[in-house]
Amino acid sequence: MTNDGAELVYTYDSQGPRTGITGLLTDLARAGITFKDLDTTQSSLEDIFVDLVRRDG
């Protein structure tokens, strides 16, 4: 996947009392920022570990 500056990654705690997603979407709309697609993924503990190892390595 290429990042041409048209991608926003928003990370949140799905177990938290509030994710902030509603506020994010509201803020984007107020700023006049539109989007064509919304994709969500949930990281596994393995994904998080591998990402941490790559950052430190």
N, C-alpha and C. Protein backbone atom coordinates (compact mmCIF):
# COMPACT_ATOMS: atom_id res chain seq x y z
N MET A 1 0.85 -1.17 0.00
CA MET A 1 0.00 0.00 0.00
C MET A 1 0.89 1.24 0.00
N THR A 2 0.56 2.20 -0.83
CA THR A 2 1.32 3.44 -0.87
C THR A 2 0.59 4.51 -0.10
N ASN A 3 1.35 5.44 0.45
CA ASN A 3 0.75 6.54 1.19
C ASN A 3 1.10 7.82 0.46
N ASP A 4 0.12 8.36 -0.25
CA ASP A 4 0.34 9.58 -1.02
C ASP A 4 -0.13 10.82 -0.27
N GLY A 5 -0.23 10.71 1.05
CA GLY A 5 -0.69 11.84 1.84
C GLY A 5 -2.20 11.93 1.95
N ALA A 6 -2.88 10.96 1.40
CA ALA A 6 -4.34 10.96 1.43
C ALA A 6 -4.90 9.89 2.36
N GLU A 7 -4.07 9.47 3.30
CA GLU A 7 -4.49 8.42 4.22
C GLU A 7 -4.36 8.91 5.66
N LEU A 8 -5.37 8.64 6.45
CA LEU A 8 -5.36 8.98 7.87
C LEU A 8 -5.48 7.69 8.66
N VAL A 9 -4.57 7.51 9.60
CA VAL A 9 -4.63 6.34 10.48
C VAL A 9 -4.97 6.85 11.87
N TYR A 10 -6.06 6.33 12.42
CA TYR A 10 -6.53 6.74 13.75
C TYR A 10 -6.51 5.50 14.64
N THR A 11 -5.71 5.54 15.68
CA THR A 11 -5.58 4.41 16.59
C THR A 11 -6.34 4.70 17.88
N TYR A 12 -7.07 3.71 18.36
CA TYR A 12 -7.87 3.91 19.57
C TYR A 12 -7.99 2.60 20.33
N ASP A 13 -8.39 2.71 21.57
CA ASP A 13 -8.62 1.56 22.44
C ASP A 13 -10.09 1.15 22.33
N SER A 14 -10.33 0.04 21.69
CA SER A 14 -11.72 -0.41 21.49
C SER A 14 -12.39 -0.81 22.79
N GLN A 15 -11.61 -1.03 23.85
CA GLN A 15 -12.17 -1.39 25.14
C GLN A 15 -12.40 -0.18 26.04
N GLY A 16 -11.94 0.98 25.61
CA GLY A 16 -12.09 2.20 26.39
C GLY A 16 -13.53 2.67 26.41
N PRO A 17 -13.86 3.55 27.35
CA PRO A 17 -15.23 4.04 27.46
C PRO A 17 -15.66 4.88 26.26
N ARG A 18 -14.71 5.53 25.60
CA ARG A 18 -15.00 6.34 24.41
C ARG A 18 -13.88 6.15 23.42
N THR A 19 -14.24 5.94 22.16
CA THR A 19 -13.21 5.74 21.14
C THR A 19 -12.80 7.05 20.48
N GLY A 20 -13.68 8.03 20.48
CA GLY A 20 -13.38 9.30 19.84
C GLY A 20 -13.68 9.32 18.35
N ILE A 21 -14.16 8.20 17.82
CA ILE A 21 -14.42 8.12 16.38
C ILE A 21 -15.52 9.09 15.96
N THR A 22 -16.57 9.19 16.72
CA THR A 22 -17.66 10.12 16.37
C THR A 22 -17.14 11.55 16.32
N GLY A 23 -16.34 11.93 17.30
CA GLY A 23 -15.76 13.27 17.31
C GLY A 23 -14.82 13.49 16.13
N LEU A 24 -14.03 12.49 15.79
CA LEU A 24 -13.13 12.58 14.65
C LEU A 24 -13.91 12.83 13.37
N LEU A 25 -14.94 12.04 13.13
CA LEU A 25 -15.75 12.21 11.92
C LEU A 25 -16.43 13.57 11.88
N THR A 26 -16.90 14.04 13.03
CA THR A 26 -17.51 15.37 13.11
C THR A 26 -16.50 16.45 12.79
N ASP A 27 -15.31 16.35 13.35
CA ASP A 27 -14.25 17.33 13.09
C ASP A 27 -13.84 17.34 11.62
N LEU A 28 -13.75 16.16 11.02
CA LEU A 28 -13.41 16.10 9.59
C LEU A 28 -14.47 16.80 8.75
N ALA A 29 -15.72 16.55 9.06
CA ALA A 29 -16.81 17.18 8.31
C ALA A 29 -16.79 18.69 8.49
N ARG A 30 -16.58 19.15 9.70
CA ARG A 30 -16.51 20.60 9.96
C ARG A 30 -15.36 21.26 9.20
N ALA A 31 -14.26 20.53 9.05
CA ALA A 31 -13.09 21.06 8.35
C ALA A 31 -13.24 20.95 6.83
N GLY A 32 -14.34 20.36 6.38
CA GLY A 32 -14.58 20.21 4.95
C GLY A 32 -13.78 19.08 4.32
N ILE A 33 -13.31 18.17 5.15
CA ILE A 33 -12.53 17.04 4.65
C ILE A 33 -13.48 15.88 4.38
N THR A 34 -13.49 15.44 3.15
CA THR A 34 -14.35 14.32 2.78
C THR A 34 -13.50 13.08 2.55
N PHE A 35 -14.12 11.94 2.60
CA PHE A 35 -13.40 10.70 2.33
C PHE A 35 -14.26 9.79 1.50
N LYS A 36 -13.60 8.89 0.79
CA LYS A 36 -14.27 7.96 -0.10
C LYS A 36 -14.45 6.59 0.52
N ASP A 37 -13.61 6.26 1.48
CA ASP A 37 -13.63 4.92 2.04
C ASP A 37 -13.24 4.97 3.50
N LEU A 38 -13.80 4.08 4.27
CA LEU A 38 -13.47 3.94 5.69
C LEU A 38 -13.19 2.46 5.93
N ASP A 39 -12.02 2.17 6.45
CA ASP A 39 -11.62 0.79 6.68
C ASP A 39 -11.20 0.64 8.13
N THR A 40 -11.65 -0.39 8.78
CA THR A 40 -11.25 -0.64 10.17
C THR A 40 -10.57 -2.00 10.26
N THR A 41 -9.58 -2.07 11.15
CA THR A 41 -8.93 -3.34 11.43
C THR A 41 -8.67 -3.42 12.93
N GLN A 42 -8.60 -4.61 13.42
CA GLN A 42 -8.30 -4.82 14.83
C GLN A 42 -6.99 -5.59 14.92
N SER A 43 -6.02 -5.02 15.59
CA SER A 43 -4.71 -5.65 15.73
C SER A 43 -4.75 -6.78 16.76
N SER A 44 -4.04 -7.84 16.44
CA SER A 44 -3.88 -8.91 17.42
C SER A 44 -2.66 -8.59 18.28
N LEU A 45 -2.51 -9.30 19.37
CA LEU A 45 -1.32 -9.11 20.22
C LEU A 45 -0.05 -9.41 19.43
N GLU A 46 -0.13 -10.38 18.53
CA GLU A 46 1.03 -10.71 17.69
C GLU A 46 1.38 -9.54 16.78
N ASP A 47 0.37 -8.90 16.16
CA ASP A 47 0.62 -7.73 15.30
C ASP A 47 1.30 -6.62 16.08
N ILE A 48 0.84 -6.37 17.28
CA ILE A 48 1.41 -5.31 18.12
C ILE A 48 2.84 -5.64 18.49
N PHE A 49 3.11 -6.89 18.86
CA PHE A 49 4.46 -7.31 19.22
C PHE A 49 5.41 -7.16 18.04
N VAL A 50 5.00 -7.63 16.87
CA VAL A 50 5.86 -7.55 15.68
C VAL A 50 6.14 -6.09 15.35
N ASP A 51 5.15 -5.23 15.46
CA ASP A 51 5.34 -3.80 15.19
C ASP A 51 6.34 -3.19 16.17
N LEU A 52 6.24 -3.54 17.44
CA LEU A 52 7.18 -3.03 18.45
C LEU A 52 8.60 -3.50 18.19
N VAL A 53 8.76 -4.76 17.80
CA VAL A 53 10.08 -5.32 17.53
C VAL A 53 10.71 -4.62 16.32
N ARG A 54 9.91 -4.35 15.29
CA ARG A 54 10.41 -3.66 14.10
C ARG A 54 10.88 -2.24 14.44
N ARG A 55 10.16 -1.56 15.30
CA ARG A 55 10.53 -0.18 15.67
C ARG A 55 11.86 -0.14 16.41
N ASP A 56 12.08 -1.13 17.30
CA ASP A 56 13.29 -1.14 18.11
C ASP A 56 14.47 -1.73 17.36
N GLY A 57 14.20 -2.50 16.32
CA GLY A 57 15.27 -3.20 15.61
C GLY A 57 15.91 -2.37 14.62
